[in-house]
């Protein structure tokens, strides 16, 4: 389990450095691609010689940590979407937002704010 511990430690470093990251999938793809490129460079240096060969393990850990960060972000996004408040008065698809005073922008009926709304 040392590998998992290393990945979790790297995730903690990433969070300390960058904070919670909630990128769209395209940006995550670019970030992961950059980390995979670093790993590929270290692998080539390990095979053919070069100064990056010693970083192979660390680069693999960073690839795995970024992949975990992507999954964490996807899970947060899914949770937020599941928690979006929809109008209980009409079949519209508009989420209710505090900035509109929890009033539906389709039927204009008010809904109690989340802390007082019944479940």
N, C-alpha and C. Protein backbone atom coordinates (compact mmCIF):
# COMPACT_ATOMS: atom_id res chain seq x y z
N UNK A 1 0.81 -1.20 0.00
CA UNK A 1 0.00 0.00 0.00
C UNK A 1 0.85 1.26 0.00
N UNK A 2 2.16 1.11 -0.06
CA UNK A 2 3.04 2.28 -0.06
C UNK A 2 2.75 3.18 -1.26
N UNK A 3 2.42 2.59 -2.40
CA UNK A 3 2.13 3.39 -3.59
C UNK A 3 0.91 4.27 -3.36
N UNK A 4 -0.14 3.71 -2.78
CA UNK A 4 -1.35 4.49 -2.50
C UNK A 4 -1.04 5.60 -1.51
N UNK A 5 -0.24 5.29 -0.50
CA UNK A 5 0.16 6.32 0.47
C UNK A 5 0.92 7.45 -0.22
N UNK A 6 1.79 7.10 -1.16
CA UNK A 6 2.53 8.12 -1.90
C UNK A 6 1.60 8.99 -2.73
N UNK A 7 0.61 8.37 -3.36
CA UNK A 7 -0.36 9.13 -4.16
C UNK A 7 -1.17 10.06 -3.27
N UNK A 8 -1.62 9.57 -2.12
CA UNK A 8 -2.40 10.42 -1.21
C UNK A 8 -1.56 11.57 -0.66
N UNK A 9 -0.29 11.31 -0.40
CA UNK A 9 0.61 12.37 0.06
C UNK A 9 0.78 13.43 -1.03
N UNK A 10 0.91 12.99 -2.27
CA UNK A 10 1.03 13.92 -3.39
C UNK A 10 -0.26 14.74 -3.56
N UNK A 11 -1.41 14.08 -3.37
CA UNK A 11 -2.68 14.82 -3.44
C UNK A 11 -2.73 15.91 -2.37
N UNK A 12 -2.26 15.59 -1.18
CA UNK A 12 -2.24 16.59 -0.10
C UNK A 12 -1.34 17.77 -0.48
N UNK A 13 -0.19 17.48 -1.10
CA UNK A 13 0.70 18.55 -1.56
C UNK A 13 0.03 19.42 -2.62
N UNK A 14 -0.67 18.75 -3.55
CA UNK A 14 -1.36 19.50 -4.61
C UNK A 14 -2.43 20.41 -4.03
N UNK A 15 -3.22 19.88 -3.10
CA UNK A 15 -4.26 20.69 -2.47
C UNK A 15 -3.67 21.86 -1.69
N UNK A 16 -2.55 21.61 -1.00
CA UNK A 16 -1.91 22.68 -0.24
C UNK A 16 -1.39 23.78 -1.18
N UNK A 17 -0.89 23.37 -2.32
CA UNK A 17 -0.32 24.33 -3.27
C UNK A 17 -1.39 25.06 -4.07
N UNK A 18 -2.40 24.33 -4.57
CA UNK A 18 -3.36 24.89 -5.51
C UNK A 18 -4.76 25.10 -4.93
N UNK A 19 -5.05 24.49 -3.78
CA UNK A 19 -6.42 24.53 -3.28
C UNK A 19 -7.29 23.55 -4.06
N UNK A 20 -8.58 23.55 -3.75
CA UNK A 20 -9.49 22.66 -4.47
C UNK A 20 -9.57 23.09 -5.92
N UNK A 21 -9.37 22.15 -6.81
CA UNK A 21 -9.39 22.43 -8.25
C UNK A 21 -10.64 21.84 -8.87
N UNK A 22 -11.39 22.68 -9.55
CA UNK A 22 -12.64 22.25 -10.20
C UNK A 22 -12.61 22.67 -11.66
N UNK A 23 -11.75 22.01 -12.42
CA UNK A 23 -11.58 22.33 -13.83
C UNK A 23 -12.59 21.55 -14.68
N UNK A 24 -12.79 22.03 -15.90
CA UNK A 24 -13.61 21.27 -16.84
C UNK A 24 -12.75 20.13 -17.39
N UNK A 25 -13.39 19.12 -17.97
CA UNK A 25 -12.65 17.94 -18.43
C UNK A 25 -11.54 18.24 -19.45
N UNK A 26 -11.72 19.26 -20.27
CA UNK A 26 -10.69 19.58 -21.26
C UNK A 26 -9.42 20.07 -20.57
N UNK A 27 -9.57 20.96 -19.58
CA UNK A 27 -8.39 21.44 -18.86
C UNK A 27 -7.75 20.31 -18.06
N UNK A 28 -8.58 19.46 -17.44
CA UNK A 28 -8.02 18.30 -16.73
C UNK A 28 -7.22 17.43 -17.69
N UNK A 29 -7.73 17.26 -18.91
CA UNK A 29 -7.03 16.45 -19.90
C UNK A 29 -5.66 17.05 -20.21
N UNK A 30 -5.58 18.36 -20.31
CA UNK A 30 -4.29 19.02 -20.57
C UNK A 30 -3.34 18.83 -19.39
N UNK A 31 -3.85 18.97 -18.17
CA UNK A 31 -3.01 18.81 -16.98
C UNK A 31 -2.49 17.37 -16.89
N UNK A 32 -3.39 16.40 -17.09
CA UNK A 32 -2.99 15.00 -17.04
C UNK A 32 -2.02 14.68 -18.18
N UNK A 33 -2.27 15.23 -19.35
CA UNK A 33 -1.38 15.01 -20.49
C UNK A 33 0.03 15.53 -20.22
N UNK A 34 0.12 16.68 -19.55
CA UNK A 34 1.43 17.23 -19.20
C UNK A 34 2.16 16.30 -18.24
N UNK A 35 1.42 15.80 -17.24
CA UNK A 35 2.04 14.87 -16.29
C UNK A 35 2.45 13.56 -16.97
N UNK A 36 1.62 13.07 -17.88
CA UNK A 36 1.98 11.85 -18.63
C UNK A 36 3.20 12.11 -19.50
N UNK A 37 3.32 13.30 -20.05
CA UNK A 37 4.50 13.66 -20.83
C UNK A 37 5.76 13.64 -19.98
N UNK A 38 5.66 14.16 -18.75
CA UNK A 38 6.81 14.12 -17.84
C UNK A 38 7.20 12.67 -17.52
N UNK A 39 6.18 11.82 -17.32
CA UNK A 39 6.46 10.40 -17.06
C UNK A 39 7.12 9.75 -18.28
N UNK A 40 6.60 10.06 -19.48
CA UNK A 40 7.18 9.49 -20.70
C UNK A 40 8.63 9.93 -20.88
N UNK A 41 8.92 11.18 -20.56
CA UNK A 41 10.29 11.67 -20.66
C UNK A 41 11.20 10.91 -19.69
N UNK A 42 10.72 10.73 -18.46
CA UNK A 42 11.52 9.98 -17.48
C UNK A 42 11.71 8.53 -17.93
N UNK A 43 10.68 7.93 -18.53
CA UNK A 43 10.80 6.55 -19.01
C UNK A 43 11.82 6.45 -20.14
N UNK A 44 11.80 7.42 -21.05
CA UNK A 44 12.79 7.42 -22.13
C UNK A 44 14.20 7.59 -21.59
N UNK A 45 14.35 8.47 -20.60
CA UNK A 45 15.67 8.65 -20.00
C UNK A 45 16.11 7.39 -19.26
N UNK A 46 15.17 6.70 -18.64
CA UNK A 46 15.52 5.45 -17.94
C UNK A 46 15.97 4.38 -18.96
N UNK A 47 15.35 4.38 -20.10
CA UNK A 47 15.68 3.37 -21.13
C UNK A 47 16.95 3.69 -21.89
N UNK A 48 17.09 4.97 -22.27
CA UNK A 48 18.19 5.35 -23.16
C UNK A 48 19.26 6.22 -22.50
N UNK A 49 19.03 6.55 -21.23
CA UNK A 49 19.99 7.40 -20.53
C UNK A 49 19.56 8.86 -20.54
N UNK A 50 19.73 9.47 -19.42
CA UNK A 50 19.38 10.89 -19.31
C UNK A 50 19.19 11.27 -17.86
N UNK A 51 19.18 12.56 -17.61
CA UNK A 51 19.14 13.05 -16.23
C UNK A 51 17.76 12.94 -15.58
N UNK A 52 16.73 12.67 -16.33
CA UNK A 52 15.38 12.55 -15.77
C UNK A 52 15.03 11.12 -15.34
N UNK A 53 15.93 10.18 -15.58
CA UNK A 53 15.66 8.76 -15.29
C UNK A 53 15.33 8.51 -13.83
N UNK A 54 15.95 9.25 -12.93
CA UNK A 54 15.72 9.04 -11.50
C UNK A 54 14.32 9.48 -11.06
N UNK A 55 13.64 10.25 -11.88
CA UNK A 55 12.33 10.77 -11.49
C UNK A 55 11.16 9.90 -11.93
N UNK A 56 11.41 8.72 -12.44
CA UNK A 56 10.35 7.87 -12.97
C UNK A 56 9.26 7.59 -11.93
N UNK A 57 9.65 7.19 -10.74
CA UNK A 57 8.69 6.88 -9.67
C UNK A 57 7.87 8.12 -9.31
N UNK A 58 8.55 9.24 -9.11
CA UNK A 58 7.85 10.47 -8.72
C UNK A 58 6.87 10.92 -9.80
N UNK A 59 7.27 10.79 -11.06
CA UNK A 59 6.37 11.18 -12.16
C UNK A 59 5.15 10.27 -12.21
N UNK A 60 5.34 8.98 -11.96
CA UNK A 60 4.19 8.05 -11.93
C UNK A 60 3.23 8.42 -10.80
N UNK A 61 3.77 8.80 -9.66
CA UNK A 61 2.94 9.22 -8.53
C UNK A 61 2.15 10.47 -8.89
N UNK A 62 2.78 11.41 -9.59
CA UNK A 62 2.08 12.64 -9.98
C UNK A 62 0.97 12.36 -10.98
N UNK A 63 1.21 11.44 -11.92
CA UNK A 63 0.15 11.04 -12.86
C UNK A 63 -1.04 10.47 -12.09
N UNK A 64 -0.76 9.57 -11.16
CA UNK A 64 -1.84 8.95 -10.39
C UNK A 64 -2.56 9.98 -9.53
N UNK A 65 -1.82 10.91 -8.94
CA UNK A 65 -2.44 11.93 -8.08
C UNK A 65 -3.34 12.85 -8.89
N UNK A 66 -2.91 13.23 -10.08
CA UNK A 66 -3.77 14.07 -10.92
C UNK A 66 -5.02 13.29 -11.33
N UNK A 67 -4.87 12.01 -11.64
CA UNK A 67 -6.04 11.19 -11.98
C UNK A 67 -7.02 11.14 -10.81
N UNK A 68 -6.51 11.02 -9.60
CA UNK A 68 -7.38 11.02 -8.41
C UNK A 68 -8.06 12.39 -8.28
N UNK A 69 -7.32 13.46 -8.52
CA UNK A 69 -7.90 14.81 -8.44
C UNK A 69 -9.04 14.97 -9.44
N UNK A 70 -8.88 14.39 -10.62
CA UNK A 70 -9.94 14.45 -11.63
C UNK A 70 -11.19 13.74 -11.13
N UNK A 71 -11.02 12.55 -10.57
CA UNK A 71 -12.17 11.80 -10.05
C UNK A 71 -12.84 12.57 -8.92
N UNK A 72 -12.04 13.17 -8.04
CA UNK A 72 -12.61 13.97 -6.95
C UNK A 72 -13.43 15.13 -7.50
N UNK A 73 -12.91 15.80 -8.52
CA UNK A 73 -13.63 16.91 -9.15
C UNK A 73 -14.93 16.42 -9.79
N UNK A 74 -14.86 15.32 -10.51
CA UNK A 74 -16.07 14.78 -11.15
C UNK A 74 -17.12 14.42 -10.11
N UNK A 75 -16.68 13.85 -8.99
CA UNK A 75 -17.61 13.51 -7.91
C UNK A 75 -18.25 14.76 -7.32
N UNK A 76 -17.44 15.82 -7.11
CA UNK A 76 -18.00 17.08 -6.59
C UNK A 76 -19.01 17.66 -7.55
N UNK A 77 -18.70 17.63 -8.83
CA UNK A 77 -19.60 18.18 -9.85
C UNK A 77 -20.92 17.40 -9.87
N UNK A 78 -20.84 16.08 -9.80
CA UNK A 78 -22.05 15.25 -9.80
C UNK A 78 -22.88 15.54 -8.56
N UNK A 79 -22.24 15.72 -7.41
CA UNK A 79 -22.96 16.01 -6.17
C UNK A 79 -23.65 17.36 -6.26
N UNK A 80 -22.94 18.37 -6.79
CA UNK A 80 -23.56 19.70 -6.93
C UNK A 80 -24.76 19.65 -7.85
N UNK A 81 -24.63 18.92 -8.96
CA UNK A 81 -25.76 18.84 -9.90
C UNK A 81 -26.95 18.12 -9.26
N UNK A 82 -26.66 17.09 -8.46
CA UNK A 82 -27.73 16.36 -7.80
C UNK A 82 -28.43 17.22 -6.75
N UNK A 83 -27.70 18.20 -6.19
CA UNK A 83 -28.26 19.04 -5.15
C UNK A 83 -28.89 20.32 -5.68
N UNK A 84 -28.82 20.55 -7.00
CA UNK A 84 -29.44 21.75 -7.55
C UNK A 84 -30.92 21.77 -7.19
N UNK A 85 -31.36 22.93 -6.81
CA UNK A 85 -32.77 23.07 -6.44
C UNK A 85 -33.56 23.40 -7.69
N UNK A 86 -34.52 22.59 -8.00
CA UNK A 86 -35.41 22.82 -9.13
C UNK A 86 -36.74 23.33 -8.61
N UNK A 87 -37.45 24.04 -9.45
CA UNK A 87 -38.74 24.60 -9.06
C UNK A 87 -39.73 23.48 -8.76
N UNK A 88 -40.37 23.51 -7.57
CA UNK A 88 -41.37 22.50 -7.24
C UNK A 88 -42.75 22.84 -7.80
N UNK A 89 -42.90 24.03 -8.39
CA UNK A 89 -44.21 24.50 -8.84
C UNK A 89 -44.48 24.24 -10.32
N UNK A 90 -43.44 24.09 -11.12
CA UNK A 90 -43.64 23.92 -12.56
C UNK A 90 -42.61 22.92 -13.10
N UNK A 91 -42.79 22.43 -14.32
CA UNK A 91 -41.87 21.43 -14.88
C UNK A 91 -40.62 22.03 -15.54
N UNK A 92 -40.30 23.28 -15.24
CA UNK A 92 -39.15 23.92 -15.89
C UNK A 92 -37.84 23.24 -15.48
N UNK A 93 -36.82 23.50 -16.20
CA UNK A 93 -35.50 22.93 -15.94
C UNK A 93 -34.55 23.95 -15.31
N UNK A 94 -35.05 25.13 -14.98
CA UNK A 94 -34.19 26.17 -14.43
C UNK A 94 -33.87 25.89 -12.98
N UNK A 95 -32.59 25.94 -12.62
CA UNK A 95 -32.25 25.80 -11.20
C UNK A 95 -32.64 27.08 -10.46
N UNK A 96 -33.08 26.92 -9.23
CA UNK A 96 -33.39 28.07 -8.39
C UNK A 96 -32.10 28.61 -7.82
N UNK A 97 -31.96 29.92 -7.79
CA UNK A 97 -30.72 30.52 -7.32
C UNK A 97 -31.01 31.60 -6.29
N UNK A 98 -30.10 31.73 -5.35
CA UNK A 98 -30.25 32.73 -4.30
C UNK A 98 -30.29 34.14 -4.88
N UNK A 99 -29.52 34.37 -5.95
CA UNK A 99 -29.46 35.72 -6.52
C UNK A 99 -30.82 36.20 -7.02
N UNK A 100 -31.73 35.30 -7.30
CA UNK A 100 -33.08 35.67 -7.72
C UNK A 100 -34.07 35.53 -6.58
N UNK A 101 -33.59 35.45 -5.35
CA UNK A 101 -34.47 35.34 -4.19
C UNK A 101 -35.25 34.03 -4.16
N UNK A 102 -34.66 32.97 -4.74
CA UNK A 102 -35.30 31.65 -4.79
C UNK A 102 -36.65 31.70 -5.50
N UNK A 103 -36.75 32.61 -6.49
CA UNK A 103 -37.96 32.73 -7.30
C UNK A 103 -37.67 32.08 -8.65
N UNK A 104 -38.58 31.22 -9.07
CA UNK A 104 -38.44 30.55 -10.36
C UNK A 104 -38.50 31.59 -11.47
N UNK A 105 -37.59 31.50 -12.41
CA UNK A 105 -37.55 32.46 -13.51
C UNK A 105 -38.50 32.07 -14.64
N UNK A 106 -39.27 30.99 -14.46
CA UNK A 106 -40.25 30.58 -15.45
C UNK A 106 -41.66 30.90 -14.95
N UNK A 107 -42.01 30.43 -13.75
CA UNK A 107 -43.37 30.65 -13.23
C UNK A 107 -43.43 31.79 -12.21
N UNK A 108 -42.28 32.29 -11.77
CA UNK A 108 -42.15 33.41 -10.84
C UNK A 108 -42.76 33.15 -9.47
N UNK A 109 -42.85 31.88 -9.09
CA UNK A 109 -43.31 31.53 -7.75
C UNK A 109 -42.09 31.36 -6.85
N UNK A 110 -42.21 31.85 -5.64
CA UNK A 110 -41.10 31.78 -4.68
C UNK A 110 -41.06 30.42 -4.00
N UNK A 111 -39.87 30.03 -3.61
CA UNK A 111 -39.63 28.79 -2.87
C UNK A 111 -38.79 29.16 -1.66
N UNK A 112 -39.04 28.55 -0.51
CA UNK A 112 -38.22 28.87 0.67
C UNK A 112 -36.74 28.59 0.40
N UNK A 113 -35.86 29.37 1.01
CA UNK A 113 -34.41 29.09 0.86
C UNK A 113 -34.08 27.69 1.36
N UNK A 114 -32.94 27.13 0.96
CA UNK A 114 -32.59 25.75 1.31
C UNK A 114 -32.66 25.42 2.80
N UNK A 115 -32.24 26.35 3.67
CA UNK A 115 -32.22 26.01 5.09
C UNK A 115 -33.62 25.87 5.70
N UNK A 116 -34.65 26.44 5.03
CA UNK A 116 -36.00 26.33 5.56
C UNK A 116 -36.90 25.45 4.69
N UNK A 117 -36.39 25.02 3.57
CA UNK A 117 -37.19 24.18 2.68
C UNK A 117 -37.39 22.79 3.26
N UNK A 118 -38.56 22.24 3.05
CA UNK A 118 -38.81 20.88 3.53
C UNK A 118 -38.14 19.91 2.57
N UNK A 119 -37.75 18.76 3.12
CA UNK A 119 -37.04 17.76 2.32
C UNK A 119 -38.02 16.82 1.68
